[in-house]
Amino acid sequence: MMRIAITYENGEVFQHFGHTEQFKLYKIDHGAIVGEAILPTDGAHCGALATLLAENGVDTLICGNIGGGAKAAVERAGLMLFPGVTGSADEAAKAFAAGTLQFDPTTQCAAHEEGHHCHGGESVC
């Protein structure tokens, strides 16, 4: 069984990983979604989100944009990453379960290249 998390807002894949306020979690077994839940981030941001996901048994993250520091945190947490996804979170989960998810592994938050900073002045999202 796999447990995936998708950055989530109003039914859609939220497009800024480091600022997502909640994840939609899905349990997938043999290509079918067998469970769903909402996981609030309780104010966690950027790299701390990867730890939150790992602590909740997640092994795969689907998101929109994500910065380089957050990508590294996701990798350190041992999560598989599928960035660059847009649209309905439920449809993304179904596509992942079916092995047809369209994503862009080169996706990186462009705001960081323009001097965007997260907490403490470090660009870590």
PDB file of N, CA and C in Angstrom:
ATOM      1  N   MET A   1       0.847  -1.176   0.000  1.00  0.00           N
ATOM      2  CA  MET A   1       0.000   0.000   0.000  1.00  0.00           C
ATOM      3  C   MET A   1       0.892   1.238   0.000  1.00  0.00           C
ATOM      4  N   MET A   2       0.515   2.229  -0.785  1.00  0.00           N
ATOM      5  CA  MET A   2       1.230   3.505  -0.836  1.00  0.00           C
ATOM      6  C   MET A   2       0.387   4.565  -0.163  1.00  0.00           C
ATOM      7  N   ARG A   3       1.070   5.547   0.386  1.00  0.00           N
ATOM      8  CA  ARG A   3       0.379   6.694   0.957  1.00  0.00           C
ATOM      9  C   ARG A   3       0.961   7.939   0.302  1.00  0.00           C
ATOM     10  N   ILE A   4       0.126   8.654  -0.474  1.00  0.00           N
ATOM     11  CA  ILE A   4       0.588   9.851  -1.167  1.00  0.00           C
ATOM     12  C   ILE A   4      -0.038  11.085  -0.542  1.00  0.00           C
ATOM     13  N   ALA A   5       0.673  12.203  -0.673  1.00  0.00           N
ATOM     14  CA  ALA A   5       0.184  13.503  -0.220  1.00  0.00           C
ATOM     15  C   ALA A   5       0.199  14.452  -1.410  1.00  0.00           C
ATOM     16  N   ILE A   6      -0.830  15.264  -1.492  1.00  0.00           N
ATOM     17  CA  ILE A   6      -0.915  16.273  -2.541  1.00  0.00           C
ATOM     18  C   ILE A   6      -1.149  17.622  -1.868  1.00  0.00           C
ATOM     19  N   THR A   7      -0.339  18.633  -2.245  1.00  0.00           N
ATOM     20  CA  THR A   7      -0.595  19.982  -1.751  1.00  0.00           C
ATOM     21  C   THR A   7      -2.018  20.335  -2.165  1.00  0.00           C
ATOM     22  N   TYR A   8      -2.788  20.923  -1.252  1.00  0.00           N
ATOM     23  CA  TYR A   8      -4.235  20.972  -1.472  1.00  0.00           C
ATOM     24  C   TYR A   8      -4.846  22.306  -1.068  1.00  0.00           C
ATOM     25  N   GLU A   9      -5.695  22.835  -1.971  1.00  0.00           N
ATOM     26  CA  GLU A   9      -6.508  24.016  -1.662  1.00  0.00           C
ATOM     27  C   GLU A   9      -7.729  24.015  -2.579  1.00  0.00           C
ATOM     28  N   ASN A  10      -8.902  24.039  -1.987  1.00  0.00           N
ATOM     29  CA  ASN A  10     -10.164  24.114  -2.738  1.00  0.00           C
ATOM     30  C   ASN A  10     -10.276  23.055  -3.835  1.00  0.00           C
ATOM     31  N   GLY A  11      -9.848  21.838  -3.532  1.00  0.00           N
ATOM     32  CA  GLY A  11      -9.974  20.745  -4.476  1.00  0.00           C
ATOM     33  C   GLY A  11      -8.865  20.655  -5.505  1.00  0.00           C
ATOM     34  N   GLU A  12      -7.985  21.634  -5.533  1.00  0.00           N
ATOM     35  CA  GLU A  12      -6.930  21.695  -6.540  1.00  0.00           C
ATOM     36  C   GLU A  12      -5.557  21.410  -5.940  1.00  0.00           C
ATOM     37  N   VAL A  13      -4.604  21.091  -6.801  1.00  0.00           N
ATOM     38  CA  VAL A  13      -3.206  20.955  -6.390  1.00  0.00           C
ATOM     39  C   VAL A  13      -2.694  22.369  -6.122  1.00  0.00           C
ATOM     40  N   PHE A  14      -2.349  22.654  -4.866  1.00  0.00           N
ATOM     41  CA  PHE A  14      -1.845  23.974  -4.495  1.00  0.00           C
ATOM     42  C   PHE A  14      -0.470  24.154  -5.120  1.00  0.00           C
ATOM     43  N   GLN A  15      -0.201  25.360  -5.616  1.00  0.00           N
ATOM     44  CA  GLN A  15       0.975  25.566  -6.449  1.00  0.00           C
ATOM     45  C   GLN A  15       2.233  26.060  -5.746  1.00  0.00           C
ATOM     46  N   HIS A  16       2.244  26.220  -4.433  1.00  0.00           N
ATOM     47  CA  HIS A  16       3.480  26.631  -3.748  1.00  0.00           C
ATOM     48  C   HIS A  16       3.680  25.733  -2.531  1.00  0.00           C
ATOM     49  N   PHE A  17       4.447  24.686  -2.721  1.00  0.00           N
ATOM     50  CA  PHE A  17       4.658  23.680  -1.684  1.00  0.00           C
ATOM     51  C   PHE A  17       4.942  24.291  -0.313  1.00  0.00           C
ATOM     52  N   GLY A  18       5.871  25.219  -0.235  1.00  0.00           N
ATOM     53  CA  GLY A  18       6.316  25.771   1.036  1.00  0.00           C
ATOM     54  C   GLY A  18       5.274  26.559   1.801  1.00  0.00           C
ATOM     55  N   HIS A  19       4.175  26.882   1.141  1.00  0.00           N
ATOM     56  CA  HIS A  19       3.125  27.669   1.792  1.00  0.00           C
ATOM     57  C   HIS A  19       1.779  26.960   1.832  1.00  0.00           C
ATOM     58  N   THR A  20       1.760  25.679   1.528  1.00  0.00           N
ATOM     59  CA  THR A  20       0.493  24.957   1.570  1.00  0.00           C
ATOM     60  C   THR A  20      -0.020  24.883   3.009  1.00  0.00           C
ATOM     61  N   GLU A  21      -1.296  25.037   3.185  1.00  0.00           N
ATOM     62  CA  GLU A  21      -1.895  24.976   4.516  1.00  0.00           C
ATOM     63  C   GLU A  21      -2.447  23.599   4.837  1.00  0.00           C
ATOM     64  N   GLN A  22      -2.532  22.754   3.805  1.00  0.00           N
ATOM     65  CA  GLN A  22      -3.006  21.394   4.045  1.00  0.00           C
ATOM     66  C   GLN A  22      -2.603  20.489   2.883  1.00  0.00           C
ATOM     67  N   PHE A  23      -2.567  19.223   3.192  1.00  0.00           N
ATOM     68  CA  PHE A  23      -2.331  18.184   2.193  1.00  0.00           C
ATOM     69  C   PHE A  23      -3.564  17.297   2.159  1.00  0.00           C
ATOM     70  N   LYS A  24      -3.853  16.770   0.987  1.00  0.00           N
ATOM     71  CA  LYS A  24      -4.849  15.707   0.912  1.00  0.00           C
ATOM     72  C   LYS A  24      -4.055  14.415   0.791  1.00  0.00           C
ATOM     73  N   LEU A  25      -4.317  13.495   1.697  1.00  0.00           N
ATOM     74  CA  LEU A  25      -3.632  12.211   1.724  1.00  0.00           C
ATOM     75  C   LEU A  25      -4.508  11.150   1.090  1.00  0.00           C
ATOM     76  N   TYR A  26      -3.874  10.250   0.370  1.00  0.00           N
ATOM     77  CA  TYR A  26      -4.571   9.148  -0.285  1.00  0.00           C
ATOM     78  C   TYR A  26      -3.824   7.861   0.009  1.00  0.00           C
ATOM     79  N   LYS A  27      -4.563   6.817   0.324  1.00  0.00           N
ATOM     80  CA  LYS A  27      -3.992   5.474   0.405  1.00  0.00           C
ATOM     81  C   LYS A  27      -4.316   4.792  -0.906  1.00  0.00           C
ATOM     82  N   ILE A  28      -3.297   4.196  -1.514  1.00  0.00           N
ATOM     83  CA  ILE A  28      -3.476   3.528  -2.799  1.00  0.00           C
ATOM     84  C   ILE A  28      -3.031   2.082  -2.659  1.00  0.00           C
ATOM     85  N   ASP A  29      -3.899   1.178  -3.081  1.00  0.00           N
ATOM     86  CA  ASP A  29      -3.597  -0.242  -3.018  1.00  0.00           C
ATOM     87  C   ASP A  29      -3.956  -0.885  -4.357  1.00  0.00           C
ATOM     88  N   HIS A  30      -2.990  -1.496  -4.987  1.00  0.00           N
ATOM     89  CA  HIS A  30      -3.194  -2.184  -6.265  1.00  0.00           C
ATOM     90  C   HIS A  30      -3.897  -1.299  -7.295  1.00  0.00           C
ATOM     91  N   GLY A  31      -3.442  -0.052  -7.419  1.00  0.00           N
ATOM     92  CA  GLY A  31      -3.961   0.852  -8.434  1.00  0.00           C
ATOM     93  C   GLY A  31      -5.293   1.501  -8.118  1.00  0.00           C
ATOM     94  N   ALA A  32      -5.774   1.360  -6.890  1.00  0.00           N
ATOM     95  CA  ALA A  32      -7.058   1.967  -6.510  1.00  0.00           C
ATOM     96  C   ALA A  32      -6.895   2.806  -5.243  1.00  0.00           C
ATOM     97  N   ILE A  33      -7.619   3.906  -5.190  1.00  0.00           N
ATOM     98  CA  ILE A  33      -7.634   4.732  -3.988  1.00  0.00           C
ATOM     99  C   ILE A  33      -8.556   4.060  -2.979  1.00  0.00           C
ATOM    100  N   VAL A  34      -8.012   3.757  -1.807  1.00  0.00           N
ATOM    101  CA  VAL A  34      -8.784   3.043  -0.791  1.00  0.00           C
ATOM    102  C   VAL A  34      -8.999   3.871   0.479  1.00  0.00           C
ATOM    103  N   GLY A  35      -8.505   5.102   0.482  1.00  0.00           N
ATOM    104  CA  GLY A  35      -8.712   5.974   1.632  1.00  0.00           C
ATOM    105  C   GLY A  35      -8.244   7.381   1.342  1.00  0.00           C
ATOM    106  N   GLU A  36      -8.883   8.350   1.999  1.00  0.00           N
ATOM    107  CA  GLU A  36      -8.539   9.759   1.833  1.00  0.00           C
ATOM    108  C   GLU A  36      -8.648  10.461   3.176  1.00  0.00           C
ATOM    109  N   ALA A  37      -7.826  11.496   3.374  1.00  0.00           N
ATOM    110  CA  ALA A  37      -7.889  12.308   4.593  1.00  0.00           C
ATOM    111  C   ALA A  37      -7.232  13.650   4.308  1.00  0.00           C
ATOM    112  N   ILE A  38      -7.556  14.634   5.122  1.00  0.00           N
ATOM    113  CA  ILE A  38      -6.919  15.951   5.047  1.00  0.00           C
ATOM    114  C   ILE A  38      -5.937  16.063   6.206  1.00  0.00           C
ATOM    115  N   LEU A  39      -4.720  16.528   5.890  1.00  0.00           N
ATOM    116  CA  LEU A  39      -3.687  16.739   6.898  1.00  0.00           C
ATOM    117  C   LEU A  39      -3.349  18.226   6.935  1.00  0.00           C
ATOM    118  N   PRO A  40      -3.747  18.946   8.008  1.00  0.00           N
ATOM    119  CA  PRO A  40      -3.365  20.360   8.114  1.00  0.00           C
ATOM    120  C   PRO A  40      -1.883  20.487   8.423  1.00  0.00           C
ATOM    121  N   THR A  41      -1.272  21.572   7.977  1.00  0.00           N
ATOM    122  CA  THR A  41       0.153  21.779   8.224  1.00  0.00           C
ATOM    123  C   THR A  41       0.407  22.492   9.549  1.00  0.00           C
ATOM    124  N   ASP A  42      -0.625  23.027  10.172  1.00  0.00           N
ATOM    125  CA  ASP A  42      -0.508  23.706  11.467  1.00  0.00           C
ATOM    126  C   ASP A  42       0.619  24.733  11.487  1.00  0.00           C
ATOM    127  N   GLY A  43       0.759  25.465  10.397  1.00  0.00           N
ATOM    128  CA  GLY A  43       1.734  26.551  10.335  1.00  0.00           C
ATOM    129  C   GLY A  43       3.131  26.139   9.914  1.00  0.00           C
ATOM    130  N   ALA A  44       3.377  24.860   9.675  1.00  0.00           N
ATOM    131  CA  ALA A  44       4.697  24.430   9.199  1.00  0.00           C
ATOM    132  C   ALA A  44       4.902  24.973   7.790  1.00  0.00           C
ATOM    133  N   HIS A  45       6.133  25.283   7.460  1.00  0.00           N
ATOM    134  CA  HIS A  45       6.464  25.816   6.136  1.00  0.00           C
ATOM    135  C   HIS A  45       7.701  25.127   5.590  1.00  0.00           C
ATOM    136  N   CYS A  46       7.871  25.258   4.314  1.00  0.00           N
ATOM    137  CA  CYS A  46       9.087  24.878   3.590  1.00  0.00           C
ATOM    138  C   CYS A  46       9.578  23.485   3.964  1.00  0.00           C
ATOM    139  N   GLY A  47      10.849  23.354   4.342  1.00  0.00           N
ATOM    140  CA  GLY A  47      11.445  22.051   4.609  1.00  0.00           C
ATOM    141  C   GLY A  47      10.770  21.271   5.719  1.00  0.00           C
ATOM    142  N   ALA A  48      10.173  21.963   6.707  1.00  0.00           N
ATOM    143  CA  ALA A  48       9.491  21.267   7.810  1.00  0.00           C
ATOM    144  C   ALA A  48       8.306  20.448   7.305  1.00  0.00           C
ATOM    145  N   LEU A  49       7.766  20.802   6.161  1.00  0.00           N
ATOM    146  CA  LEU A  49       6.636  20.060   5.614  1.00  0.00           C
ATOM    147  C   LEU A  49       7.038  18.638   5.216  1.00  0.00           C
ATOM    148  N   ALA A  50       8.249  18.469   4.728  1.00  0.00           N
ATOM    149  CA  ALA A  50       8.712  17.129   4.363  1.00  0.00           C
ATOM    150  C   ALA A  50       8.773  16.236   5.598  1.00  0.00           C
ATOM    151  N   THR A  51       9.235  16.790   6.707  1.00  0.00           N
ATOM    152  CA  THR A  51       9.285  16.030   7.957  1.00  0.00           C
ATOM    153  C   THR A  51       7.878  15.670   8.409  1.00  0.00           C
ATOM    154  N   LEU A  52       6.954  16.620   8.324  1.00  0.00           N
ATOM    155  CA  LEU A  52       5.561  16.373   8.695  1.00  0.00           C
ATOM    156  C   LEU A  52       4.990  15.209   7.881  1.00  0.00           C
ATOM    157  N   LEU A  53       5.253  15.204   6.586  1.00  0.00           N
ATOM    158  CA  LEU A  53       4.739  14.134   5.734  1.00  0.00           C
ATOM    159  C   LEU A  53       5.341  12.783   6.110  1.00  0.00           C
ATOM    160  N   ALA A  54       6.644  12.762   6.300  1.00  0.00           N
ATOM    161  CA  ALA A  54       7.305  11.507   6.665  1.00  0.00           C
ATOM    162  C   ALA A  54       6.779  10.973   7.995  1.00  0.00           C
ATOM    163  N   GLU A  55       6.558  11.884   8.954  1.00  0.00           N
ATOM    164  CA  GLU A  55       6.035  11.474  10.265  1.00  0.00           C
ATOM    165  C   GLU A  55       4.626  10.912  10.176  1.00  0.00           C
ATOM    166  N   ASN A  56       3.925  11.244   9.096  1.00  0.00           N
ATOM    167  CA  ASN A  56       2.560  10.758   8.901  1.00  0.00           C
ATOM    168  C   ASN A  56       2.490   9.593   7.912  1.00  0.00           C
ATOM    169  N   GLY A  57       3.616   8.951   7.674  1.00  0.00           N
ATOM    170  CA  GLY A  57       3.632   7.743   6.869  1.00  0.00           C
ATOM    171  C   GLY A  57       3.535   7.937   5.371  1.00  0.00           C
ATOM    172  N   VAL A  58       3.729   9.162   4.902  1.00  0.00           N
ATOM    173  CA  VAL A  58       3.647   9.439   3.467  1.00  0.00           C
ATOM    174  C   VAL A  58       4.940   8.991   2.795  1.00  0.00           C
ATOM    175  N   ASP A  59       4.820   8.384   1.625  1.00  0.00           N
ATOM    176  CA  ASP A  59       6.018   7.993   0.891  1.00  0.00           C
ATOM    177  C   ASP A  59       6.144   8.693  -0.458  1.00  0.00           C
ATOM    178  N   THR A  60       5.098   9.424  -0.882  1.00  0.00           N
ATOM    179  CA  THR A  60       5.095  10.084  -2.184  1.00  0.00           C
ATOM    180  C   THR A  60       4.438  11.455  -2.059  1.00  0.00           C
ATOM    181  N   LEU A  61       5.047  12.472  -2.682  1.00  0.00           N
ATOM    182  CA  LEU A  61       4.496  13.829  -2.695  1.00  0.00           C
ATOM    183  C   LEU A  61       4.213  14.248  -4.124  1.00  0.00           C
ATOM    184  N   ILE A  62       3.005  14.754  -4.334  1.00  0.00           N
ATOM    185  CA  ILE A  62       2.608  15.369  -5.600  1.00  0.00           C
ATOM    186  C   ILE A  62       2.337  16.832  -5.295  1.00  0.00           C
ATOM    187  N   CYS A  63       2.931  17.734  -6.096  1.00  0.00           N
ATOM    188  CA  CYS A  63       2.748  19.162  -5.827  1.00  0.00           C
ATOM    189  C   CYS A  63       2.854  19.965  -7.117  1.00  0.00           C
ATOM    190  N   GLY A  64       2.647  21.264  -6.977  1.00  0.00           N
ATOM    191  CA  GLY A  64       2.860  22.190  -8.083  1.00  0.00           C
ATOM    192  C   GLY A  64       4.318  22.625  -8.071  1.00  0.00           C
ATOM    193  N   ASN A  65       4.556  23.896  -7.772  1.00  0.00           N
ATOM    194  CA  ASN A  65       5.910  24.430  -7.694  1.00  0.00           C
ATOM    195  C   ASN A  65       6.555  24.081  -6.365  1.00  0.00           C
ATOM    196  N   ILE A  66       7.885  23.944  -6.393  1.00  0.00           N
ATOM    197  CA  ILE A  66       8.649  23.626  -5.199  1.00  0.00           C
ATOM    198  C   ILE A  66      10.060  24.174  -5.392  1.00  0.00           C
ATOM    199  N   GLY A  67      10.602  24.771  -4.355  1.00  0.00           N
ATOM    200  CA  GLY A  67      11.944  25.330  -4.418  1.00  0.00           C
ATOM    201  C   GLY A  67      13.020  24.284  -4.210  1.00  0.00           C
ATOM    202  N   GLY A  68      14.240  24.645  -4.508  1.00  0.00           N
ATOM    203  CA  GLY A  68      15.365  23.725  -4.409  1.00  0.00           C
ATOM    204  C   GLY A  68      15.609  23.207  -2.999  1.00  0.00           C
ATOM    205  N   GLY A  69      15.499  24.076  -1.993  1.00  0.00           N
ATOM    206  CA  GLY A  69      15.704  23.640  -0.614  1.00  0.00           C
ATOM    207  C   GLY A  69      14.647  22.654  -0.174  1.00  0.00           C
ATOM    208  N   ALA A  70      13.407  22.895  -0.572  1.00  0.00           N
ATOM    209  CA  ALA A  70      12.325  21.979  -0.223  1.00  0.00           C
ATOM    210  C   ALA A  70      12.490  20.648  -0.953  1.00  0.00           C
ATOM    211  N   LYS A  71      12.938  20.697  -2.218  1.00  0.00           N
ATOM    212  CA  LYS A  71      13.211  19.451  -2.945  1.00  0.00           C
ATOM    213  C   LYS A  71      14.230  18.614  -2.186  1.00  0.00           C
ATOM    214  N   ALA A  72      15.276  19.276  -1.707  1.00  0.00           N
ATOM    215  CA  ALA A  72      16.320  18.558  -0.959  1.00  0.00           C
ATOM    216  C   ALA A  72      15.749  17.972   0.329  1.00  0.00           C
ATOM    217  N   ALA A  73      14.879  18.725   1.018  1.00  0.00           N
ATOM    218  CA  ALA A  73      14.263  18.234   2.254  1.00  0.00           C
ATOM    219  C   ALA A  73      13.371  17.027   1.975  1.00  0.00           C
ATOM    220  N   VAL A  74      12.655  17.061   0.868  1.00  0.00           N
ATOM    221  CA  VAL A  74      11.794  15.943   0.480  1.00  0.00           C
ATOM    222  C   VAL A  74      12.647  14.702   0.209  1.00  0.00           C
ATOM    223  N   GLU A  75      13.755  14.894  -0.486  1.00  0.00           N
ATOM    224  CA  GLU A  75      14.660  13.771  -0.759  1.00  0.00           C
ATOM    225  C   GLU A  75      15.247  13.212   0.534  1.00  0.00           C
ATOM    226  N   ARG A  76      15.680  14.099   1.455  1.00  0.00           N
ATOM    227  CA  ARG A  76      16.239  13.649   2.734  1.00  0.00           C
ATOM    228  C   ARG A  76      15.214  12.863   3.544  1.00  0.00           C
ATOM    229  N   ALA A  77      13.936  13.226   3.406  1.00  0.00           N
ATOM    230  CA  ALA A  77      12.866  12.533   4.124  1.00  0.00           C
ATOM    231  C   ALA A  77      12.518  11.195   3.471  1.00  0.00           C
ATOM    232  N   GLY A  78      13.119  10.917   2.314  1.00  0.00           N
ATOM    233  CA  GLY A  78      12.887   9.639   1.641  1.00  0.00           C
ATOM    234  C   GLY A  78      11.606   9.568   0.837  1.00  0.00           C
ATOM    235  N   LEU A  79      11.042  10.724   0.484  1.00  0.00           N
ATOM    236  CA  LEU A  79       9.791  10.748  -0.275  1.00  0.00           C
ATOM    237  C   LEU A  79      10.070  10.773  -1.777  1.00  0.00           C
ATOM    238  N   MET A  80       9.250  10.086  -2.555  1.00  0.00           N
ATOM    239  CA  MET A  80       9.285  10.237  -4.004  1.00  0.00           C
ATOM    240  C   MET A  80       8.562  11.543  -4.325  1.00  0.00           C
ATOM    241  N   LEU A  81       9.081  12.301  -5.290  1.00  0.00           N
ATOM    242  CA  LEU A  81       8.542  13.623  -5.616  1.00  0.00           C
ATOM    243  C   LEU A  81       8.049  13.674  -7.052  1.00  0.00           C
ATOM    244  N   PHE A  82       6.823  14.200  -7.212  1.00  0.00           N
ATOM    245  CA  PHE A  82       6.220  14.407  -8.522  1.00  0.00           C
ATOM    246  C   PHE A  82       5.746  15.863  -8.598  1.00  0.00           C
ATOM    247  N   PRO A  83       6.631  16.807  -8.970  1.00  0.00           N
ATOM    248  CA  PRO A  83       6.265  18.228  -9.037  1.00  0.00           C
ATOM    249  C   PRO A  83       5.673  18.603 -10.400  1.00  0.00           C
ATOM    250  N   GLY A  84       5.207  19.850 -10.476  1.00  0.00           N
ATOM    251  CA  GLY A  84       4.721  20.383 -11.741  1.00  0.00           C
ATOM    252  C   GLY A  84       3.334  19.902 -12.115  1.00  0.00           C
ATOM    253  N   VAL A  85       2.546  19.519 -11.115  1.00  0.00           N
ATOM    254  CA  VAL A  85       1.198  19.017 -11.370  1.00  0.00           C
ATOM    255  C   VAL A  85       0.195  20.145 -11.121  1.00  0.00           C
ATOM    256  N   THR A  86      -0.794  20.256 -11.979  1.00  0.00           N
ATOM    257  CA  THR A  86      -1.852  21.253 -11.831  1.00  0.00           C
ATOM    258  C   THR A  86      -3.205  20.565 -11.914  1.00  0.00           C
ATOM    259  N   GLY A  87      -4.253  21.310 -11.522  1.00  0.00           N
ATOM    260  CA  GLY A  87      -5.610  20.803 -11.662  1.00  0.00           C
ATOM    261  C   GLY A  87      -6.130  20.141 -10.405  1.00  0.00           C
ATOM    262  N   SER A  88      -7.108  19.295 -10.581  1.00  0.00           N
ATOM    263  CA  SER A  88      -7.801  18.625  -9.494  1.00  0.00           C
ATOM    264  C   SER A  88      -6.879  17.662  -8.744  1.00  0.00           C
ATOM    265  N   ALA A  89      -6.857  17.772  -7.422  1.00  0.00           N
ATOM    266  CA  ALA A  89      -6.064  16.855  -6.601  1.00  0.00           C
ATOM    267  C   ALA A  89      -6.592  15.425  -6.737  1.00  0.00           C
ATOM    268  N   ASP A  90      -7.901  15.263  -6.714  1.00  0.00           N
ATOM    269  CA  ASP A  90      -8.483  13.921  -6.837  1.00  0.00           C
ATOM    270  C   ASP A  90      -8.122  13.278  -8.180  1.00  0.00           C
ATOM    271  N   GLU A  91      -8.158  14.066  -9.249  1.00  0.00           N
ATOM    272  CA  GLU A  91      -7.800  13.533 -10.569  1.00  0.00           C
ATOM    273  C   GLU A  91      -6.317  13.183 -10.626  1.00  0.00           C
ATOM    274  N   ALA A  92      -5.474  14.002  -9.973  1.00  0.00           N
ATOM    275  CA  ALA A  92      -4.042  13.698  -9.926  1.00  0.00           C
ATOM    276  C   ALA A  92      -3.806  12.385  -9.182  1.00  0.00           C
ATOM    277  N   ALA A  93      -4.509  12.188  -8.084  1.00  0.00           N
ATOM    278  CA  ALA A  93      -4.363  10.941  -7.316  1.00  0.00           C
ATOM    279  C   ALA A  93      -4.813   9.743  -8.147  1.00  0.00           C
ATOM    280  N   LYS A  94      -5.935   9.884  -8.863  1.00  0.00           N
ATOM    281  CA  LYS A  94      -6.413   8.798  -9.714  1.00  0.00           C
ATOM    282  C   LYS A  94      -5.397   8.483 -10.817  1.00  0.00           C
ATOM    283  N   ALA A  95      -4.833   9.535 -11.420  1.00  0.00           N
ATOM    284  CA  ALA A  95      -3.842   9.333 -12.474  1.00  0.00           C
ATOM    285  C   ALA A  95      -2.587   8.664 -11.910  1.00  0.00           C
ATOM    286  N   PHE A  96      -2.164   9.075 -10.720  1.00  0.00           N
ATOM    287  CA  PHE A  96      -1.001   8.437 -10.090  1.00  0.00           C
ATOM    288  C   PHE A  96      -1.279   6.958  -9.857  1.00  0.00           C
ATOM    289  N   ALA A  97      -2.446   6.651  -9.323  1.00  0.00           N
ATOM    290  CA  ALA A  97      -2.808   5.257  -9.046  1.00  0.00           C
ATOM    291  C   ALA A  97      -2.823   4.422 -10.322  1.00  0.00           C
ATOM    292  N   ALA A  98      -3.229   5.055 -11.420  1.00  0.00           N
ATOM    293  CA  ALA A  98      -3.302   4.348 -12.703  1.00  0.00           C
ATOM    294  C   ALA A  98      -1.965   4.327 -13.450  1.00  0.00           C
ATOM    295  N   GLY A  99      -0.964   5.061 -12.927  1.00  0.00           N
ATOM    296  CA  GLY A  99       0.335   5.118 -13.582  1.00  0.00           C
ATOM    297  C   GLY A  99       0.392   6.071 -14.754  1.00  0.00           C
ATOM    298  N   THR A 100      -0.548   7.042 -14.806  1.00  0.00           N
ATOM    299  CA  THR A 100      -0.611   7.959 -15.939  1.00  0.00           C
ATOM    300  C   THR A 100      -0.428   9.425 -15.544  1.00  0.00           C
ATOM    301  N   LEU A 101       0.068   9.700 -14.344  1.00  0.00           N
ATOM    302  CA  LEU A 101       0.217  11.074 -13.877  1.00  0.00           C
ATOM    303  C   LEU A 101       1.208  11.844 -14.752  1.00  0.00           C
ATOM    304  N   GLN A 102       0.782  13.005 -15.220  1.00  0.00           N
ATOM    305  CA  GLN A 102       1.643  13.903 -15.986  1.00  0.00           C
ATOM    306  C   GLN A 102       2.280  14.876 -15.000  1.00  0.00           C
ATOM    307  N   PHE A 103       3.610  14.938 -14.974  1.00  0.00           N
ATOM    308  CA  PHE A 103       4.313  15.847 -14.080  1.00  0.00           C
ATOM    309  C   PHE A 103       5.584  16.335 -14.759  1.00  0.00           C
ATOM    310  N   ASP A 104       6.222  17.338 -14.159  1.00  0.00           N
ATOM    311  CA  ASP A 104       7.445  17.903 -14.715  1.00  0.00           C
ATOM    312  C   ASP A 104       8.543  17.857 -13.658  1.00  0.00           C
ATOM    313  N   PRO A 105       9.467  16.907 -13.757  1.00  0.00           N
ATOM    314  CA  PRO A 105      10.502  16.762 -12.730  1.00  0.00           C
ATOM    315  C   PRO A 105      11.453  17.957 -12.645  1.00  0.00           C
ATOM    316  N   THR A 106      11.449  18.832 -13.644  1.00  0.00           N
ATOM    317  CA  THR A 106      12.338  19.996 -13.621  1.00  0.00           C
ATOM    318  C   THR A 106      11.691  21.217 -12.974  1.00  0.00           C
ATOM    319  N   THR A 107      10.443  21.094 -12.547  1.00  0.00           N
ATOM    320  CA  THR A 107       9.730  22.220 -11.947  1.00  0.00           C
ATOM    321  C   THR A 107      10.476  22.736 -10.724  1.00  0.00           C
ATOM    322  N   GLN A 108      10.692  24.056 -10.705  1.00  0.00           N
ATOM    323  CA  GLN A 108      11.283  24.685  -9.529  1.00  0.00           C
ATOM    324  C   GLN A 108      10.670  26.066  -9.393  1.00  0.00           C
ATOM    325  N   CYS A 109      10.374  26.453  -8.170  1.00  0.00           N
ATOM    326  CA  CYS A 109       9.750  27.736  -7.898  1.00  0.00           C
ATOM    327  C   CYS A 109      10.645  28.858  -8.407  1.00  0.00           C
ATOM    328  N   ALA A 110      10.178  29.583  -9.422  1.00  0.00           N
ATOM    329  CA  ALA A 110      10.945  30.670 -10.018  1.00  0.00           C
ATOM    330  C   ALA A 110      11.099  31.850  -9.070  1.00  0.00           C
ATOM    331  N   ALA A 111      10.221  31.988  -8.090  1.00  0.00           N
ATOM    332  CA  ALA A 111      10.306  33.127  -7.170  1.00  0.00           C
ATOM    333  C   ALA A 111      11.634  33.142  -6.436  1.00  0.00           C
ATOM    334  N   HIS A 112      12.232  31.988  -6.229  1.00  0.00           N
ATOM    335  CA  HIS A 112      13.499  31.931  -5.498  1.00  0.00           C
ATOM    336  C   HIS A 112      14.631  32.525  -6.307  1.00  0.00           C
ATOM    337  N   GLU A 113      14.511  32.502  -7.608  1.00  0.00           N
ATOM    338  CA  GLU A 113      15.534  33.078  -8.458  1.00  0.00           C
ATOM    339  C   GLU A 113      15.437  34.592  -8.471  1.00  0.00           C
ATOM    340  N   GLU A 114      14.331  35.146  -7.991  1.00  0.00           N
ATOM    341  CA  GLU A 114      14.127  36.591  -7.982  1.00  0.00           C
ATOM    342  C   GLU A 114      14.283  37.160  -6.587  1.00  0.00           C
ATOM    343  N   GLY A 115      14.963  36.449  -5.698  1.00  0.00           N
ATOM    344  CA  GLY A 115      15.214  36.960  -4.364  1.00  0.00           C
ATOM    345  C   GLY A 115      14.140  36.630  -3.350  1.00  0.00           C
ATOM    346  N   HIS A 116      13.221  35.733  -3.668  1.00  0.00           N
ATOM    347  CA  HIS A 116      12.190  35.315  -2.706  1.00  0.00           C
ATOM    348  C   HIS A 116      12.858  34.657  -1.510  1.00  0.00           C
ATOM    349  N   HIS A 117      12.422  35.015  -0.335  1.00  0.00           N
ATOM    350  CA  HIS A 117      13.014  34.440   0.871  1.00  0.00           C
ATOM    351  C   HIS A 117      11.922  33.919   1.779  1.00  0.00           C
ATOM    352  N   CYS A 118      12.225  32.802   2.382  1.00  0.00           N
ATOM    353  CA  CYS A 118      11.361  32.264   3.417  1.00  0.00           C
ATOM    354  C   CYS A 118      11.984  32.591   4.752  1.00  0.00           C
ATOM    355  N   HIS A 119      11.367  32.162   5.770  1.00  0.00           N
ATOM    356  CA  HIS A 119      11.707  32.424   7.157  1.00  0.00           C
ATOM    357  C   HIS A 119      13.205  32.540   7.399  1.00  0.00           C
ATOM    358  N   GLY A 120      13.599  33.588   8.125  1.00  0.00           N
ATOM    359  CA  GLY A 120      14.990  33.773   8.495  1.00  0.00           C
ATOM    360  C   GLY A 120      15.874  34.255   7.363  1.00  0.00           C
ATOM    361  N   GLY A 121      15.278  34.684   6.250  1.00  0.00           N
ATOM    362  CA  GLY A 121      16.056  35.210   5.154  1.00  0.00           C
ATOM    363  C   GLY A 121      16.689  34.157   4.257  1.00  0.00           C
ATOM    364  N   GLU A 122      16.448  32.894   4.515  1.00  0.00           N
ATOM    365  CA  GLU A 122      17.010  31.848   3.676  1.00  0.00           C
ATOM    366  C   GLU A 122      15.979  31.367   2.675  1.00  0.00           C
ATOM    367  N   SER A 123      16.413  31.176   1.469  1.00  0.00           N
ATOM    368  CA  SER A 123      15.525  30.652   0.436  1.00  0.00           C
ATOM    369  C   SER A 123      15.514  29.136   0.538  1.00  0.00           C
ATOM    370  N   VAL A 124      14.573  28.596   1.288  1.00  0.00           N
ATOM    371  CA  VAL A 124      14.551  27.164   1.538  1.00  0.00           C
ATOM    372  C   VAL A 124      13.266  26.492   1.081  1.00  0.00           C
ATOM    373  N   CYS A 125      12.324  27.224   0.568  1.00  0.00           N
ATOM    374  CA  CYS A 125      11.050  26.610   0.168  1.00  0.00           C
ATOM    375  C   CYS A 125      11.176  25.821  -1.113  1.00  0.00           C
TER     376      CYS A 125
END
